[in-house]
Amino acid sequence: MIESALTEQIIGAAIEVHRHWGPGLYEEVYEKSLCHELRLRNVAFDTQVRLPLVYKGERVGDDLRLDLIAQAKVVVELKAIKAFEPIHEAQLLTYMKLTGCRVGLLINFNVQVLREGIKRMVL
């Protein structure tokens, strides 16, 4: 499964970013650093992806922005929060459904050990 190898690469890149910065910074710093690390690893991705929102054939907005989509296969939602809430998982699942991506990663950089701040989800 290609998504499995891809999520391993993304997680490895996130761990490298977390090793460098540790917890406590703004989400934007982690996002930009992760993007740089993914480029260094030759992982294709799009960042701040805008999704048009269409309801019953009518466009109702395009304010929805995804943090990152890797190789059009894995949605990555980044956080720098105290702890995950159920709404964060629901948000990621919605993003996965809207993009057609079967796999998603929820990554919280505000933890002591990054493995404790990673949730992998599959549709």
Protein backbone atom coordinates (compact mmCIF):
# COMPACT_ATOMS: atom_id res chain seq x y z
CA MET A 1 0.00 0.00 0.00
CA ILE A 2 1.61 3.22 -1.17
CA GLU A 3 -0.16 5.32 1.50
CA SER A 4 1.59 3.34 4.24
CA ALA A 5 5.07 4.13 2.90
CA LEU A 6 4.04 7.74 2.34
CA THR A 7 2.70 8.17 5.88
CA GLU A 8 5.96 6.73 7.22
CA GLN A 9 7.88 9.38 5.27
CA ILE A 10 5.60 12.16 6.53
CA ILE A 11 5.84 10.97 10.13
CA GLY A 12 9.63 10.74 9.84
CA ALA A 13 9.75 14.31 8.55
CA ALA A 14 7.46 15.49 11.36
CA ILE A 15 9.66 13.77 13.95
CA GLU A 16 12.71 15.55 12.53
CA VAL A 17 10.91 18.91 12.79
CA HIS A 18 9.83 18.14 16.36
CA ARG A 19 13.37 17.11 17.32
CA HIS A 20 14.61 20.46 16.06
CA TRP A 21 11.96 22.75 17.60
CA GLY A 22 10.34 20.77 20.41
CA PRO A 23 6.86 21.76 21.64
CA GLY A 24 5.55 25.25 22.29
CA LEU A 25 5.67 27.12 18.98
CA TYR A 26 2.89 28.30 16.69
CA GLU A 27 1.38 25.86 14.20
CA GLU A 28 2.65 27.98 11.29
CA VAL A 29 6.29 27.39 12.29
CA TYR A 30 5.77 23.64 12.32
CA GLU A 31 3.90 23.74 9.02
CA LYS A 32 6.61 25.69 7.20
CA SER A 33 9.33 23.51 8.74
CA LEU A 34 7.50 20.32 7.79
CA CYS A 35 7.10 21.56 4.22
CA HIS A 36 10.84 22.26 4.05
CA GLU A 37 11.62 18.81 5.45
CA LEU A 38 9.30 17.13 2.96
CA ARG A 39 11.00 18.99 0.10
CA LEU A 40 14.38 17.78 1.39
CA ARG A 41 12.99 14.24 1.27
CA ASN A 42 11.53 14.71 -2.23
CA VAL A 43 7.97 14.11 -1.06
CA ALA A 44 5.49 15.90 -3.32
CA PHE A 45 2.79 17.86 -1.51
CA ASP A 46 0.48 20.85 -1.69
CA THR A 47 0.05 23.20 1.24
CA GLN A 48 -2.84 25.44 2.29
CA VAL A 49 -5.05 23.66 -0.24
CA ARG A 50 -8.29 25.52 -0.87
CA LEU A 51 -11.37 23.36 -1.26
CA PRO A 52 -14.46 24.80 -2.91
CA LEU A 53 -17.56 23.92 -0.94
CA VAL A 54 -20.52 22.91 -3.10
CA TYR A 55 -23.89 22.13 -1.63
CA LYS A 56 -26.47 20.52 -3.94
CA GLY A 57 -24.82 21.96 -7.00
CA GLU A 58 -24.30 25.47 -5.63
CA ARG A 59 -20.97 26.80 -4.53
CA VAL A 60 -21.38 28.02 -0.96
CA GLY A 61 -17.81 28.98 -0.24
CA ASP A 62 -14.16 28.17 -0.63
CA ASP A 63 -12.94 29.19 2.78
CA LEU A 64 -11.96 25.64 3.67
CA ARG A 65 -8.17 25.26 3.69
CA LEU A 66 -6.31 22.06 4.31
CA ASP A 67 -2.87 22.26 5.89
CA LEU A 68 -1.25 19.75 3.57
CA ILE A 69 -1.99 16.99 1.07
CA ALA A 70 0.89 14.69 0.21
CA GLN A 71 1.01 13.19 -3.29
CA ALA A 72 -2.79 13.65 -3.59
CA LYS A 73 -3.12 10.61 -1.30
CA VAL A 74 -2.71 11.65 2.36
CA VAL A 75 -4.37 14.58 4.12
CA VAL A 76 -2.20 16.03 6.89
CA GLU A 77 -3.80 18.25 9.52
CA LEU A 78 -1.33 19.99 11.84
CA LYS A 79 -2.01 21.22 15.35
CA ALA A 80 -0.09 22.86 18.19
CA ILE A 81 -2.63 22.31 20.97
CA LYS A 82 -2.82 20.90 24.48
CA ALA A 83 -4.60 17.71 23.39
CA PHE A 84 -6.71 16.30 20.57
CA GLU A 85 -10.45 16.70 20.90
CA PRO A 86 -13.04 14.55 19.09
CA ILE A 87 -13.75 17.49 16.76
CA HIS A 88 -10.18 17.30 15.41
CA GLU A 89 -10.71 13.70 14.32
CA ALA A 90 -14.09 14.60 12.81
CA GLN A 91 -12.46 17.49 10.95
CA LEU A 92 -9.79 15.21 9.48
CA LEU A 93 -12.38 12.62 8.42
CA THR A 94 -14.41 15.34 6.69
CA TYR A 95 -11.31 16.59 4.87
CA MET A 96 -10.53 13.04 3.77
CA LYS A 97 -14.04 12.55 2.40
CA LEU A 98 -14.01 15.90 0.59
CA THR A 99 -10.67 15.19 -1.08
CA GLY A 100 -11.20 11.50 -1.77
CA CYS A 101 -8.05 10.64 0.19
CA ARG A 102 -8.38 7.35 2.07
CA VAL A 103 -5.64 8.15 4.59
CA GLY A 104 -5.12 11.08 6.92
CA LEU A 105 -2.65 12.13 9.60
CA LEU A 106 -3.47 14.34 12.54
CA ILE A 107 -0.21 15.66 14.01
CA ASN A 108 0.03 17.65 17.24
CA PHE A 109 3.46 19.20 17.76
CA ASN A 110 2.67 20.42 21.29
CA VAL A 111 3.73 17.17 23.00
CA GLN A 112 6.96 16.01 24.60
CA VAL A 113 7.29 12.93 22.35
CA LEU A 114 5.81 13.36 18.88
CA ARG A 115 4.64 9.74 18.57
CA GLU A 116 2.12 10.63 21.30
CA GLY A 117 0.78 13.42 19.08
CA ILE A 118 0.13 11.43 15.90
CA LYS A 119 -3.16 9.88 14.89
CA ARG A 120 -3.45 7.98 11.59
CA MET A 121 -6.93 7.55 10.17
CA VAL A 122 -8.17 5.43 7.27
CA LEU A 123 -11.53 5.51 5.49
